[in-house]
């Protein structure tokens, strides 16, 4: 995935992106609709934040043991897990369960966040 291309794709949008939409979109666009761990998700969002200003406006990252960390990512993941939208699988990773929510998040981001 090329972050600069994503930013260019969304450059004309003006609405605020929700943290939930960014996380769901990352999972939806990932191979197998999953990432290997919370650390991998944190790193993917951090890298995205370096190229997409709207991601950096949504999450605050701090240096941590295994790389950048955002408590906001953890909070949203817990909420998504509690809502049954994602599944945190020990040793397997984070899997998107609600594919419709993932697709809606991507569509919302493409339309400028109007649906969020």
Protein backbone atom coordinates (compact mmCIF):
# COMPACT_ATOMS: atom_id res chain seq x y z
CA UNK A 1 0.00 0.00 0.00
CA UNK A 2 1.39 3.43 -0.91
CA UNK A 3 0.43 6.08 1.66
CA UNK A 4 1.15 9.02 -0.64
CA UNK A 5 -1.36 7.61 -3.13
CA UNK A 6 -3.98 7.31 -0.39
CA UNK A 7 -3.39 10.90 0.66
CA UNK A 8 -3.65 12.10 -2.92
CA UNK A 9 -6.87 10.13 -3.29
CA UNK A 10 -8.36 11.82 -0.22
CA UNK A 11 -6.75 15.27 -0.70
CA UNK A 12 -9.98 17.06 -1.61
CA UNK A 13 -11.83 15.93 1.48
CA UNK A 14 -12.37 18.32 4.34
CA UNK A 15 -14.30 16.35 6.97
CA UNK A 16 -12.68 15.00 10.11
CA UNK A 17 -11.91 11.28 9.98
CA UNK A 18 -12.83 9.29 12.99
CA UNK A 19 -10.26 7.08 14.62
CA UNK A 20 -12.63 4.17 14.21
CA UNK A 21 -12.80 4.70 10.44
CA UNK A 22 -9.01 4.75 10.10
CA UNK A 23 -8.61 1.51 12.05
CA UNK A 24 -11.44 -0.24 10.21
CA UNK A 25 -10.05 0.95 6.86
CA UNK A 26 -6.54 -0.33 7.66
CA UNK A 27 -7.98 -3.73 8.61
CA UNK A 28 -10.31 -3.84 5.60
CA UNK A 29 -7.48 -3.03 3.18
CA UNK A 30 -5.03 -5.48 4.78
CA UNK A 31 -4.48 -8.94 3.27
CA UNK A 32 -6.91 -11.38 4.88
CA UNK A 33 -8.68 -8.45 6.61
CA UNK A 34 -6.25 -8.82 9.52
CA UNK A 35 -3.01 -7.52 11.00
CA UNK A 36 -0.56 -9.64 12.97
CA UNK A 37 -0.75 -7.75 16.28
CA UNK A 38 -1.60 -4.51 18.06
CA UNK A 39 2.01 -3.47 17.50
CA UNK A 40 1.65 -3.98 13.74
CA UNK A 41 -1.56 -1.93 13.71
CA UNK A 42 0.14 0.82 15.74
CA UNK A 43 3.03 0.89 13.27
CA UNK A 44 0.74 0.92 10.23
CA UNK A 45 -1.20 3.88 11.62
CA UNK A 46 2.01 5.66 12.59
CA UNK A 47 3.42 5.24 9.07
CA UNK A 48 0.12 6.45 7.63
CA UNK A 49 0.28 9.48 9.94
CA UNK A 50 3.65 10.41 8.45
CA UNK A 51 2.11 10.67 4.97
CA UNK A 52 -1.55 11.52 5.61
CA UNK A 53 -2.08 14.64 7.71
CA UNK A 54 -5.63 13.63 8.60
CA UNK A 55 -4.32 10.48 10.30
CA UNK A 56 -1.77 12.47 12.29
CA UNK A 57 -4.58 14.77 13.39
CA UNK A 58 -6.54 11.76 14.66
CA UNK A 59 -3.86 9.98 16.70
CA UNK A 60 -1.07 11.08 19.01
CA UNK A 61 1.91 8.71 19.05
CA UNK A 62 4.69 8.54 21.63
CA UNK A 63 7.94 6.57 21.51
CA UNK A 64 7.59 3.23 23.31
CA UNK A 65 9.41 -0.08 23.75
CA UNK A 66 8.58 -1.59 20.35
CA UNK A 67 8.05 1.63 18.41
CA UNK A 68 5.39 4.30 18.26
CA UNK A 69 2.37 3.87 20.52
CA UNK A 70 -1.01 5.56 20.83
CA UNK A 71 -3.39 4.86 23.69
CA UNK A 72 -6.12 6.16 21.39
CA UNK A 73 -5.58 3.17 19.10
CA UNK A 74 -5.93 0.79 22.06
CA UNK A 75 -9.11 2.54 23.24
CA UNK A 76 -10.74 2.31 19.81
CA UNK A 77 -9.66 -1.34 19.40
CA UNK A 78 -11.27 -2.24 22.73
CA UNK A 79 -14.48 -0.48 21.69
CA UNK A 80 -14.50 -2.21 18.28
CA UNK A 81 -13.83 -5.57 19.94
CA UNK A 82 -16.60 -5.01 22.48
CA UNK A 83 -18.99 -4.14 19.64
CA UNK A 84 -18.05 -7.36 17.84
CA UNK A 85 -16.62 -5.53 14.83
CA UNK A 86 -13.09 -6.88 15.28
CA UNK A 87 -11.71 -9.94 16.98
CA UNK A 88 -8.46 -9.91 18.94
CA UNK A 89 -7.04 -13.40 18.47
CA UNK A 90 -4.10 -14.41 20.66
CA UNK A 91 -1.16 -15.45 18.50
CA UNK A 92 -3.08 -14.71 15.30
CA UNK A 93 -3.67 -10.98 15.38
CA UNK A 94 -6.53 -8.57 14.90
CA UNK A 95 -9.20 -9.65 12.45
CA UNK A 96 -11.98 -7.56 10.96
CA UNK A 97 -15.24 -9.41 11.61
CA UNK A 98 -17.73 -6.82 10.37
CA UNK A 99 -16.72 -6.52 6.71
CA UNK A 100 -19.63 -4.17 6.02
CA UNK A 101 -18.34 -1.73 8.65
CA UNK A 102 -14.88 -1.90 7.06
CA UNK A 103 -16.28 -1.20 3.63
CA UNK A 104 -18.36 1.70 4.98
CA UNK A 105 -15.27 3.17 6.68
CA UNK A 106 -13.31 3.10 3.42
CA UNK A 107 -16.25 4.63 1.55
CA UNK A 108 -16.66 7.29 4.23
CA UNK A 109 -12.99 8.22 4.02
CA UNK A 110 -13.19 8.39 0.23
CA UNK A 111 -16.20 10.68 0.45
CA UNK A 112 -14.55 12.93 2.98
CA UNK A 113 -15.92 11.47 6.18
CA UNK A 114 -19.49 12.64 5.55
CA UNK A 115 -20.87 9.27 6.64
CA UNK A 116 -18.97 9.15 9.93
